[in-house]
Protein backbone atom coordinates (compact mmCIF):
# COMPACT_ATOMS: atom_id res chain seq x y z
CA MET A 1 18.49 112.96 -29.27
CA LYS A 2 21.11 112.05 -31.86
CA ILE A 3 24.47 113.31 -30.63
CA LEU A 4 27.92 113.44 -32.20
CA VAL A 5 30.83 113.30 -29.75
CA ILE A 6 34.11 114.64 -31.17
CA GLU A 7 36.73 113.61 -28.58
CA ASP A 8 40.26 112.26 -29.09
CA ASP A 9 40.68 110.84 -25.58
CA ALA A 10 39.51 107.24 -26.09
CA GLN A 11 38.79 106.58 -22.41
CA ALA A 12 36.84 109.83 -21.94
CA ALA A 13 34.92 109.21 -25.17
CA ALA A 14 33.99 105.63 -24.20
CA TYR A 15 32.74 106.80 -20.79
CA MET A 16 30.68 109.58 -22.37
CA LEU A 17 29.20 107.36 -25.10
CA LYS A 18 28.23 104.72 -22.55
CA GLY A 19 26.47 107.26 -20.35
CA LEU A 20 24.64 108.95 -23.23
CA LYS A 21 23.44 105.63 -24.62
CA GLU A 22 22.22 104.56 -21.16
CA ALA A 23 20.27 107.83 -21.03
CA GLY A 24 18.49 106.84 -24.24
CA HIS A 25 20.39 108.91 -26.79
CA ALA A 26 21.80 107.77 -30.14
CA VAL A 27 25.50 108.58 -30.28
CA ASP A 28 28.23 108.69 -32.94
CA HIS A 29 31.90 109.28 -32.21
CA ALA A 30 34.70 110.97 -34.12
CA PRO A 31 38.27 110.71 -32.70
CA ASP A 32 39.66 113.81 -34.43
CA GLY A 33 38.61 117.17 -35.84
CA THR A 34 38.83 116.17 -39.50
CA GLN A 35 36.45 113.22 -39.17
CA GLY A 36 34.26 115.21 -36.80
CA LEU A 37 33.85 118.02 -39.33
CA TYR A 38 32.94 115.52 -42.03
CA LEU A 39 30.33 113.71 -39.91
CA ALA A 40 28.81 116.95 -38.59
CA GLY A 41 28.29 118.14 -42.15
CA ALA A 42 27.15 114.83 -43.60
CA GLU A 43 24.67 113.71 -40.93
CA HIS A 44 21.82 115.37 -39.02
CA TYR A 45 22.49 115.68 -35.29
CA ASP A 46 20.51 117.28 -32.49
CA ALA A 47 23.69 118.30 -30.66
CA LEU A 48 27.47 118.12 -30.91
CA VAL A 49 29.96 117.63 -28.08
CA VAL A 50 33.27 119.08 -29.27
CA ASP A 51 36.56 118.83 -27.40
CA ARG A 52 38.53 122.04 -27.84
CA MET A 53 41.96 120.42 -28.30
CA LEU A 54 41.73 117.91 -31.16
CA PRO A 55 44.20 116.38 -33.60
CA GLY A 56 43.66 117.14 -37.29
CA ARG A 57 41.60 120.27 -36.64
CA ASP A 58 41.04 122.02 -33.33
CA GLY A 59 37.54 122.20 -31.92
CA LEU A 60 36.98 125.94 -32.23
CA SER A 61 38.02 126.12 -35.88
CA LEU A 62 35.74 123.13 -36.52
CA VAL A 63 32.79 124.95 -34.96
CA SER A 64 33.61 128.16 -36.83
CA LEU A 65 33.63 126.30 -40.15
CA LEU A 66 30.27 124.69 -39.39
CA ARG A 67 28.74 128.06 -38.57
CA ALA A 68 30.19 129.63 -41.72
CA ALA A 69 28.57 126.83 -43.73
CA GLY A 70 25.18 127.56 -42.15
CA ASN A 71 25.13 124.57 -39.79
CA ASP A 72 23.26 125.66 -36.65
CA THR A 73 23.41 122.38 -34.70
CA PRO A 74 23.83 123.22 -30.97
CA VAL A 75 27.42 122.74 -29.80
CA LEU A 76 28.69 121.99 -26.30
CA VAL A 77 32.42 122.76 -26.14
CA LEU A 78 34.55 120.73 -23.71
CA SER A 79 37.91 122.08 -22.57
CA ALA A 80 40.46 122.01 -19.78
CA LEU A 81 40.84 125.75 -20.41
CA GLY A 82 38.41 127.34 -18.01
CA SER A 83 39.22 131.04 -17.67
CA VAL A 84 36.57 133.63 -18.50
CA GLU A 85 38.54 134.61 -21.60
CA ASP A 86 38.70 130.97 -22.74
CA ARG A 87 34.97 130.51 -22.28
CA VAL A 88 34.18 133.74 -24.13
CA THR A 89 36.44 132.68 -27.00
CA GLY A 90 34.63 129.35 -27.23
CA LEU A 91 31.20 130.95 -27.30
CA ARG A 92 32.24 133.56 -29.84
CA ALA A 93 33.58 130.84 -32.11
CA GLY A 94 30.02 129.53 -32.34
CA GLY A 95 29.64 127.30 -29.30
CA ASP A 96 26.27 127.34 -27.56
CA ASP A 97 27.62 126.17 -24.21
CA TYR A 98 31.02 125.56 -22.64
CA LEU A 99 31.88 122.95 -20.03
CA THR A 100 35.24 122.82 -18.28
CA LYS A 101 37.09 119.55 -17.66
CA PRO A 102 36.95 117.69 -15.35
CA TYR A 103 33.16 117.63 -15.36
CA ALA A 104 30.39 115.56 -13.83
CA PHE A 105 28.59 113.44 -16.43
CA SER A 106 25.23 114.43 -14.92
CA GLU A 107 26.01 118.08 -15.68
CA LEU A 108 27.07 117.28 -19.25
CA LEU A 109 23.85 115.35 -19.78
CA ALA A 110 21.72 118.15 -18.32
CA ARG A 111 23.43 120.74 -20.54
CA LEU A 112 22.90 118.66 -23.66
CA GLU A 113 19.23 118.12 -22.84
CA SER A 114 18.87 121.86 -22.25
CA LEU A 115 20.37 122.57 -25.68
CA GLY A 116 17.96 120.06 -27.20
CA ARG A 117 14.92 121.70 -25.58
CA ARG A 118 16.13 125.14 -26.61
CA ARG A 119 16.35 124.06 -30.23
CA ALA A 120 13.03 122.22 -30.20
CA ALA A 121 11.10 125.20 -28.83
CA PRO A 122 10.38 127.63 -31.68
CA GLN A 123 11.31 131.18 -30.81
CA ALA A 124 8.34 133.47 -31.20
CA GLN A 125 9.17 136.45 -33.32
CA ALA A 126 8.29 139.75 -31.70
CA THR A 127 5.68 141.63 -33.72
CA LYS A 128 5.85 144.82 -31.66
CA LEU A 129 8.68 146.96 -30.35
CA VAL A 130 8.03 149.23 -27.39
CA VAL A 131 10.34 151.85 -25.92
CA GLY A 132 8.73 154.10 -23.33
CA ASP A 133 5.54 155.47 -24.89
CA LEU A 134 6.77 154.74 -28.42
CA GLU A 135 5.30 151.65 -30.06
CA MET A 136 6.07 150.06 -33.44
CA ASP A 137 3.87 147.36 -34.99
CA LEU A 138 6.12 145.36 -37.33
CA LEU A 139 3.22 143.57 -39.03
CA ALA A 140 0.98 146.55 -39.64
CA ARG A 141 4.05 148.78 -40.25
CA THR A 142 2.63 151.47 -38.01
CA VAL A 143 4.19 153.66 -35.33
CA LYS A 144 2.57 155.66 -32.56
CA ARG A 145 3.75 157.62 -29.57
CA GLY A 146 1.17 157.81 -26.86
CA ALA A 147 -2.13 158.31 -28.69
CA LYS A 148 -0.52 159.97 -31.73
CA VAL A 149 -0.05 157.95 -34.92
CA ILE A 150 3.25 158.81 -36.60
CA ASP A 151 3.45 158.63 -40.38
CA LEU A 152 6.91 157.46 -41.49
CA LEU A 153 8.47 156.94 -44.89
CA PRO A 154 9.90 153.43 -45.49
CA ARG A 155 13.50 154.47 -44.83
CA GLU A 156 12.49 156.37 -41.68
CA PHE A 157 10.66 153.25 -40.49
CA GLN A 158 13.80 151.14 -41.02
CA LEU A 159 15.93 153.68 -39.20
CA LEU A 160 13.58 153.84 -36.22
CA GLU A 161 13.29 150.03 -36.13
CA CYS A 162 17.09 149.76 -35.93
CA LEU A 163 17.21 152.27 -33.07
CA MET A 164 14.36 150.56 -31.21
CA ARG A 165 15.89 147.09 -31.52
CA ASN A 166 19.02 148.50 -29.92
CA ALA A 167 17.24 150.74 -27.38
CA GLY A 168 19.55 151.89 -24.61
CA SER A 169 22.68 151.11 -26.64
CA VAL A 170 24.67 153.35 -28.94
CA VAL A 171 24.07 152.63 -32.62
CA THR A 172 27.05 153.82 -34.62
CA ARG A 173 26.92 155.50 -38.02
CA THR A 174 28.58 152.41 -39.51
CA MET A 175 25.88 150.16 -38.09
CA LEU A 176 23.14 152.40 -39.49
CA LEU A 177 24.77 152.57 -42.92
CA GLU A 178 25.04 148.77 -43.05
CA GLN A 179 21.64 147.89 -41.61
CA VAL A 180 19.46 150.63 -43.11
CA TRP A 181 21.24 151.66 -46.31
CA ASP A 182 23.21 148.44 -46.96
CA TYR A 183 26.45 150.42 -47.34
CA HIS A 184 29.51 148.46 -46.23
CA PHE A 185 31.69 151.55 -46.43
CA ASP A 186 31.30 155.20 -45.44
CA PRO A 187 30.19 157.07 -48.57
CA GLN A 188 30.94 160.43 -46.91
CA THR A 189 27.33 161.52 -46.99
CA ASN A 190 25.08 163.34 -44.54
CA VAL A 191 22.17 161.01 -45.33
CA ILE A 192 22.05 159.76 -41.72
CA ASP A 193 21.98 163.26 -40.26
CA VAL A 194 19.16 164.30 -42.61
CA HIS A 195 17.02 161.26 -41.77
CA ILE A 196 17.68 161.54 -38.03
CA ALA A 197 16.60 165.19 -38.14
CA ARG A 198 13.36 164.24 -39.92
CA LEU A 199 12.78 161.37 -37.51
CA ARG A 200 13.21 163.68 -34.52
CA GLN A 201 10.62 166.06 -35.93
CA LYS A 202 8.12 163.24 -36.16
CA VAL A 203 8.95 161.19 -33.06
CA ASP A 204 10.13 163.77 -30.51
CA LYS A 205 8.54 167.11 -31.43
CA GLY A 206 5.82 167.96 -28.92
CA PHE A 207 6.82 165.17 -26.56
CA ASP A 208 8.86 165.23 -23.38
CA PRO A 209 11.40 163.81 -22.92
CA PRO A 210 12.97 163.40 -26.38
CA LEU A 211 13.88 159.78 -27.12
CA ILE A 212 16.50 160.09 -29.86
CA GLN A 213 19.82 161.13 -28.36
CA THR A 214 23.05 162.04 -30.12
CA VAL A 215 26.13 160.44 -28.60
CA ARG A 216 28.88 162.78 -29.76
CA GLY A 217 31.64 161.05 -31.66
CA ALA A 218 29.86 157.68 -31.52
CA GLY A 219 26.37 157.67 -33.05
CA TYR A 220 22.81 157.71 -31.78
CA CYS A 221 20.83 156.10 -28.98
CA LEU A 222 17.13 155.68 -28.34
CA ARG A 223 16.60 156.10 -24.61
CA PRO A 224 13.21 156.04 -22.82
């Protein structure tokens, strides 16, 4: 693997670089966030090790900028901040893993190799969605419940796909407007209610139990 280590502590960086090179990896080093951001954008790396507290630019803003630019290189965040909230913040900023200092080098190496394998293995795209006895074939664009084939209009298909991908969770009206109608504001329309009513007639009528549930004041939920 080709790894970029962005770490301002010279002693910690030297120790890490030595160990990674001994493990057979090619390693570059940036001593601050500004140089790290430049190298991460200019070169191809299989993984980045980013210290959270960096001079020039902090580690989390660096990762956020990379993600905003479309850079999906796996990132292992290093930090002395180890609370649950700190770890969640690091992951939400775009980190793929979070390791608290002090750490064992063997664990850092194992985590980096895990990130490398995860990236190398292509993720198979699901071609079917199944919730209870309801099945959607995304390639054939067909839907059936039990043995009955359900004929859906394109917008109804999109609406049901959104509900099925989020089965068991509440899908809000805002989420439906953005994902199905591409509205990024509420146009004060009953379009969702009309389509949900039609979808219920096709998906739930004649079947027990009904799958499409209204969550009052929140949205809708597809529950098996």
